[in-house]
C-alpha atoms as a PDB file:
ATOM      1  CA  ALA A   1      20.372  14.617  12.992  1.00  0.00           C
ATOM      2  CA  CYS A   2      22.230  16.405  10.209  1.00  0.00           C
ATOM      3  CA  ALA A   3      19.916  14.987   7.527  1.00  0.00           C
ATOM      4  CA  MET A   4      16.885  16.060   9.531  1.00  0.00           C
ATOM      5  CA  ARG A   5      18.229  19.614   9.835  1.00  0.00           C
ATOM      6  CA  LEU A   6      18.995  19.654   6.119  1.00  0.00           C
ATOM      7  CA  PHE A   7      15.503  18.376   5.330  1.00  0.00           C
ATOM      8  CA  GLU A   8      13.974  21.147   7.458  1.00  0.00           C
ATOM      9  CA  ARG A   9      15.995  23.786   5.555  1.00  0.00           C
ATOM     10  CA  ILE A  10      15.160  22.342   2.160  1.00  0.00           C
ATOM     11  CA  ILE A  11      11.450  22.108   2.910  1.00  0.00           C
ATOM     12  CA  VAL A  12      11.384  25.796   3.927  1.00  0.00           C
ATOM     13  CA  ASN A  13      13.309  26.988   0.851  1.00  0.00           C
ATOM     14  CA  TYR A  14      11.898  24.550  -1.726  1.00  0.00           C
ATOM     15  CA  PRO A  15       8.552  23.267  -0.434  1.00  0.00           C
ATOM     16  CA  ARG A  16       7.302  22.083  -3.831  1.00  0.00           C
ATOM     17  CA  ALA A  17      10.567  20.804  -5.289  1.00  0.00           C
ATOM     18  CA  PHE A  18       9.836  17.136  -4.552  1.00  0.00           C
ATOM     19  CA  ASP A  19       7.126  14.792  -3.343  1.00  0.00           C
ATOM     20  CA  VAL A  20       9.159  11.757  -2.291  1.00  0.00           C
ATOM     21  CA  VAL A  21      12.357  11.442  -0.254  1.00  0.00           C
ATOM     22  CA  VAL A  22      14.403   8.424  -1.390  1.00  0.00           C
ATOM     23  CA  ALA A  23      16.768   7.245   1.315  1.00  0.00           C
ATOM     24  CA  ASP A  24      19.261   4.555   2.177  1.00  0.00           C
ATOM     25  CA  ALA A  25      18.826   2.168   5.109  1.00  0.00           C
ATOM     26  CA  LEU A  26      20.402   4.673   7.492  1.00  0.00           C
ATOM     27  CA  TYR A  27      17.209   6.758   7.288  1.00  0.00           C
ATOM     28  CA  ALA A  28      14.746   3.912   7.908  1.00  0.00           C
ATOM     29  CA  LYS A  29      14.036   5.351  11.347  1.00  0.00           C
ATOM     30  CA  SER A  30      10.725   6.405  12.791  1.00  0.00           C
ATOM     31  CA  ASN A  31      11.834   9.953  13.680  1.00  0.00           C
ATOM     32  CA  PHE A  32      12.957  10.594  10.088  1.00  0.00           C
ATOM     33  CA  PHE A  33       9.777   9.084   8.630  1.00  0.00           C
ATOM     34  CA  ASN A  34       7.615  11.133  11.014  1.00  0.00           C
ATOM     35  CA  LEU A  35       9.457  14.349  10.094  1.00  0.00           C
ATOM     36  CA  VAL A  36       8.863  13.758   6.383  1.00  0.00           C
ATOM     37  CA  LEU A  37       5.207  12.885   7.014  1.00  0.00           C
ATOM     38  CA  GLU A  38       4.719  16.087   9.062  1.00  0.00           C
ATOM     39  CA  HIS A  39       5.538  18.034   5.901  1.00  0.00           C
ATOM     40  CA  ASN A  40       3.076  16.052   3.743  1.00  0.00           C
ATOM     41  CA  LYS A  41       5.820  14.313   1.799  1.00  0.00           C
ATOM     42  CA  ASP A  42       6.389  10.606   1.236  1.00  0.00           C
ATOM     43  CA  VAL A  43       9.522   8.622   1.953  1.00  0.00           C
ATOM     44  CA  ILE A  44      10.943   5.335   0.723  1.00  0.00           C
ATOM     45  CA  ALA A  45      13.978   3.721   2.335  1.00  0.00           C
ATOM     46  CA  VAL A  46      15.839   0.456   2.004  1.00  0.00           C
ATOM     47  CA  LEU A  47      15.324  -1.917   4.899  1.00  0.00           C
ATOM     48  CA  LYS A  48      18.499  -3.789   5.892  1.00  0.00           C
ATOM     49  CA  ASP A  49      19.866  -5.858   8.747  1.00  0.00           C
ATOM     50  CA  ASP A  50      20.334  -2.909  11.110  1.00  0.00           C
ATOM     51  CA  ARG A  51      16.505  -2.841  11.393  1.00  0.00           C
ATOM     52  CA  ARG A  52      16.365  -6.597  12.180  1.00  0.00           C
ATOM     53  CA  ASP A  53      12.993  -6.615  13.948  1.00  0.00           C
ATOM     54  CA  LEU A  54      11.226  -4.939  11.053  1.00  0.00           C
ATOM     55  CA  LEU A  55      13.040  -7.094   8.517  1.00  0.00           C
ATOM     56  CA  LYS A  56      12.050 -10.281  10.376  1.00  0.00           C
ATOM     57  CA  ASP A  57       8.432  -9.124  10.446  1.00  0.00           C
ATOM     58  CA  VAL A  58       8.539  -8.463   6.697  1.00  0.00           C
ATOM     59  CA  GLU A  59      10.062 -11.868   5.994  1.00  0.00           C
ATOM     60  CA  THR A  60       7.390 -13.523   8.144  1.00  0.00           C
ATOM     61  CA  LEU A  61       4.652 -11.530   6.401  1.00  0.00           C
ATOM     62  CA  PHE A  62       5.707 -12.727   2.950  1.00  0.00           C
ATOM     63  CA  ALA A  63       6.941 -16.241   3.863  1.00  0.00           C
ATOM     64  CA  GLY A  64       5.401 -18.943   1.718  1.00  0.00           C
ATOM     65  CA  LYS A  65       3.395 -16.481  -0.382  1.00  0.00           C
ATOM     66  CA  GLU A  66       3.519 -16.135  -4.126  1.00  0.00           C
ATOM     67  CA  PRO A  67       4.733 -12.781  -5.527  1.00  0.00           C
ATOM     68  CA  THR A  68       1.967 -10.204  -5.910  1.00  0.00           C
ATOM     69  CA  PHE A  69       3.548  -8.688  -9.010  1.00  0.00           C
ATOM     70  CA  VAL A  70       6.219  -9.789 -11.517  1.00  0.00           C
ATOM     71  CA  PHE A  71       7.849  -7.644 -14.189  1.00  0.00           C
ATOM     72  CA  THR A  72      11.017  -7.501 -16.268  1.00  0.00           C
ATOM     73  CA  ARG A  73      13.464  -4.583 -16.360  1.00  0.00           C
ATOM     74  CA  ASN A  74      16.626  -4.609 -18.499  1.00  0.00           C
ATOM     75  CA  GLY A  75      16.540  -8.401 -18.805  1.00  0.00           C
ATOM     76  CA  THR A  76      16.078  -8.932 -15.070  1.00  0.00           C
ATOM     77  CA  GLU A  77      12.967 -10.687 -13.802  1.00  0.00           C
ATOM     78  CA  ILE A  78      11.729  -8.912 -10.693  1.00  0.00           C
ATOM     79  CA  ARG A  79       9.363 -10.747  -8.361  1.00  0.00           C
ATOM     80  CA  CYS A  80       7.593  -8.456  -5.901  1.00  0.00           C
ATOM     81  CA  TRP A  81       5.752  -8.910  -2.637  1.00  0.00           C
ATOM     82  CA  ASP A  82       3.813  -5.836  -1.548  1.00  0.00           C
ATOM     83  CA  SER A  83       1.809  -5.084   1.601  1.00  0.00           C
ATOM     84  CA  ASP A  84       0.363  -1.638   2.236  1.00  0.00           C
ATOM     85  CA  ASP A  85      -0.852  -2.050   5.820  1.00  0.00           C
ATOM     86  CA  PHE A  86       2.289  -2.962   7.736  1.00  0.00           C
ATOM     87  CA  GLN A  87       1.513  -2.539  11.441  1.00  0.00           C
ATOM     88  CA  SER A  88       4.830  -3.660  12.982  1.00  0.00           C
ATOM     89  CA  TRP A  89       6.256  -0.161  13.225  1.00  0.00           C
ATOM     90  CA  PRO A  90       4.005   1.672  15.703  1.00  0.00           C
ATOM     91  CA  GLN A  91       6.527   4.498  16.212  1.00  0.00           C
ATOM     92  CA  VAL A  92       5.608   5.859  12.766  1.00  0.00           C
ATOM     93  CA  THR A  93       2.448   7.962  12.846  1.00  0.00           C
ATOM     94  CA  GLN A  94       0.746   5.989  10.046  1.00  0.00           C
ATOM     95  CA  PRO A  95       0.933   2.401   8.773  1.00  0.00           C
ATOM     96  CA  VAL A  96       3.672   1.930   6.232  1.00  0.00           C
ATOM     97  CA  ARG A  97       3.963  -0.161   3.108  1.00  0.00           C
ATOM     98  CA  VAL A  98       6.666  -2.780   2.634  1.00  0.00           C
ATOM     99  CA  ILE A  99       7.892  -4.121  -0.668  1.00  0.00           C
ATOM    100  CA  ARG A 100      10.237  -7.043  -1.054  1.00  0.00           C
ATOM    101  CA  THR A 101      11.819  -8.092  -4.346  1.00  0.00           C
ATOM    102  CA  GLN A 102      13.839 -10.956  -5.723  1.00  0.00           C
ATOM    103  CA  GLU A 103      15.740  -9.899  -8.809  1.00  0.00           C
ATOM    104  CA  ILE A 104      16.874 -12.683 -11.104  1.00  0.00           C
ATOM    105  CA  LYS A 105      19.281 -11.705 -13.853  1.00  0.00           C
ATOM    106  CA  ARG A 106      19.493 -13.882 -16.924  1.00  0.00           C
ATOM    107  CA  PRO A 107      22.700 -15.898 -17.318  1.00  0.00           C
ATOM    108  CA  VAL A 108      25.630 -14.223 -19.035  1.00  0.00           C
ATOM    109  CA  ARG A 109      27.570 -16.064 -21.746  1.00  0.00           C
ATOM    110  CA  ARG A 110      31.279 -15.587 -21.095  1.00  0.00           C
ATOM    111  CA  GLN A 111      33.336 -14.678 -24.125  1.00  0.00           C
ATOM    112  CA  LEU A 112      36.448 -16.541 -23.005  1.00  0.00           C
ATOM    113  CA  ASP A 113      34.995 -20.055 -22.761  1.00  0.00           C
ATOM    114  CA  ASP A 114      31.446 -19.565 -24.157  1.00  0.00           C
ATOM    115  CA  LYS A 115      29.944 -20.917 -20.913  1.00  0.00           C
ATOM    116  CA  LEU A 116      26.760 -19.590 -19.328  1.00  0.00           C
ATOM    117  CA  ASP A 117      27.486 -17.910 -16.014  1.00  0.00           C
ATOM    118  CA  GLU A 118      24.525 -17.861 -13.635  1.00  0.00           C
ATOM    119  CA  GLN A 119      24.065 -14.509 -11.926  1.00  0.00           C
ATOM    120  CA  PRO A 120      23.305 -14.296  -8.202  1.00  0.00           C
ATOM    121  CA  VAL A 121      19.743 -13.507  -7.151  1.00  0.00           C
ATOM    122  CA  SER A 122      19.531 -10.186  -5.315  1.00  0.00           C
ATOM    123  CA  SER A 123      16.876  -9.371  -2.752  1.00  0.00           C
ATOM    124  CA  TRP A 124      15.707  -5.917  -1.729  1.00  0.00           C
ATOM    125  CA  THR A 125      13.270  -4.714   0.903  1.00  0.00           C
ATOM    126  CA  TRP A 126      11.855  -1.208   1.080  1.00  0.00           C
ATOM    127  CA  VAL A 127       9.650   0.529   3.602  1.00  0.00           C
ATOM    128  CA  THR A 128       7.610   3.467   2.349  1.00  0.00           C
ATOM    129  CA  THR A 129       4.740   5.812   3.059  1.00  0.00           C
ATOM    130  CA  LEU A 130       3.747   5.799  -0.626  1.00  0.00           C
ATOM    131  CA  SER A 131       0.317   4.258  -1.060  1.00  0.00           C
ATOM    132  CA  PRO A 132      -0.326   1.798  -3.907  1.00  0.00           C
ATOM    133  CA  HIS A 133      -2.589   4.463  -5.436  1.00  0.00           C
ATOM    134  CA  ARG A 134       0.283   6.964  -5.637  1.00  0.00           C
ATOM    135  CA  ALA A 135       2.896   4.449  -6.782  1.00  0.00           C
ATOM    136  CA  HIS A 136       2.152   1.033  -8.236  1.00  0.00           C
ATOM    137  CA  THR A 137       4.533  -1.744  -7.127  1.00  0.00           C
ATOM    138  CA  GLU A 138       6.710  -1.402 -10.225  1.00  0.00           C
ATOM    139  CA  ALA A 139       6.946   2.381  -9.805  1.00  0.00           C
ATOM    140  CA  ALA A 140       7.821   2.052  -6.110  1.00  0.00           C
ATOM    141  CA  VAL A 141      10.605  -0.424  -6.945  1.00  0.00           C
ATOM    142  CA  GLU A 142      11.936   1.950  -9.608  1.00  0.00           C
ATOM    143  CA  ILE A 143      11.859   4.834  -7.123  1.00  0.00           C
ATOM    144  CA  GLY A 144      13.646   2.697  -4.519  1.00  0.00           C
ATOM    145  CA  HIS A 145      16.407   1.822  -6.976  1.00  0.00           C
ATOM    146  CA  SER A 146      16.680   5.432  -8.180  1.00  0.00           C
ATOM    147  CA  ARG A 147      18.613   6.457  -5.089  1.00  0.00           C
ATOM    148  CA  TRP A 148      21.720   5.257  -6.916  1.00  0.00           C
ATOM    149  CA  ASN A 149      21.133   7.648  -9.830  1.00  0.00           C
ATOM    150  CA  ILE A 150      22.595  10.587  -7.924  1.00  0.00           C
ATOM    151  CA  GLU A 151      25.826   8.733  -7.281  1.00  0.00           C
ATOM    152  CA  ASN A 152      26.054   6.972 -10.634  1.00  0.00           C
ATOM    153  CA  ASN A 153      24.963   9.864 -12.849  1.00  0.00           C
ATOM    154  CA  GLY A 154      26.061  12.816 -10.746  1.00  0.00           C
ATOM    155  CA  PHE A 155      29.192  12.167  -8.730  1.00  0.00           C
ATOM    156  CA  ASN A 156      30.699   9.528 -11.008  1.00  0.00           C
ATOM    157  CA  GLU A 157      30.195  11.726 -14.071  1.00  0.00           C
ATOM    158  CA  ALA A 158      31.793  14.691 -12.313  1.00  0.00           C
ATOM    159  CA  VAL A 159      34.791  12.588 -11.281  1.00  0.00           C
ATOM    160  CA  ASN A 160      35.274  10.580 -14.480  1.00  0.00           C
ATOM    161  CA  HIS A 161      34.459  13.189 -17.130  1.00  0.00           C
ATOM    162  CA  TYR A 162      35.315  16.469 -15.418  1.00  0.00           C
ATOM    163  CA  PHE A 163      38.086  15.269 -13.083  1.00  0.00           C
ATOM    164  CA  SER A 164      36.287  16.715 -10.103  1.00  0.00           C
ATOM    165  CA  ASP A 165      37.408  15.995  -6.579  1.00  0.00           C
ATOM    166  CA  HIS A 166      36.036  16.425  -3.080  1.00  0.00           C
ATOM    167  CA  VAL A 167      34.835  19.900  -2.100  1.00  0.00           C
ATOM    168  CA  TYR A 168      36.968  20.720   0.926  1.00  0.00           C
ATOM    169  CA  ARG A 169      35.357  24.024   1.842  1.00  0.00           C
ATOM    170  CA  HIS A 170      31.573  24.240   2.104  1.00  0.00           C
ATOM    171  CA  HIS A 171      31.129  27.978   1.867  1.00  0.00           C
ATOM    172  CA  PRO A 172      28.972  28.895  -1.186  1.00  0.00           C
ATOM    173  CA  ALA A 173      31.666  31.111  -2.719  1.00  0.00           C
ATOM    174  CA  ALA A 174      34.318  28.418  -2.234  1.00  0.00           C
ATOM    175  CA  MET A 175      32.108  25.785  -3.858  1.00  0.00           C
ATOM    176  CA  LEU A 176      31.353  28.055  -6.811  1.00  0.00           C
ATOM    177  CA  ASN A 177      35.062  28.737  -7.316  1.00  0.00           C
ATOM    178  CA  PHE A 178      35.799  25.034  -7.073  1.00  0.00           C
ATOM    179  CA  TRP A 179      33.308  24.249  -9.861  1.00  0.00           C
ATOM    180  CA  LEU A 180      34.480  27.150 -11.983  1.00  0.00           C
ATOM    181  CA  LEU A 181      38.018  25.797 -11.838  1.00  0.00           C
END
């Protein structure tokens, strides 16, 4: 509810600031997707176990099929399954697209004993309103992973390089003073 109120405020004050809302699994809910769609924006969210019915449908949809797209990013082979007419979520006002990936990192040679250490395969599933025409599979995967950029590049930098801490008072003047300190 808080995120939806915040989205409503942001869309009024900054209607052209963004085209896509990138969200964690918490926001993979029909009411949030419908709100974003009402404002002619797109949304992409991770699909995890708390949305078991949708996740099972996605797994069934892609079971036994070859990947539709394969690419490499930073030495990781990414195998993608992509379907843009997912009908198993009727609560959303339009069909959504689902993308599933298997990400296989190359083995790492350990310095201590010079042995190759196999890396675990990670799997991701996203649900999005982005059409394949607006975002190719590779771009949609990049957008889905970009949700970590805010934490990794924003908050971590503030904490590690500027010794920032939690903002305890959320009044604009208090936050400004906090950052000025």
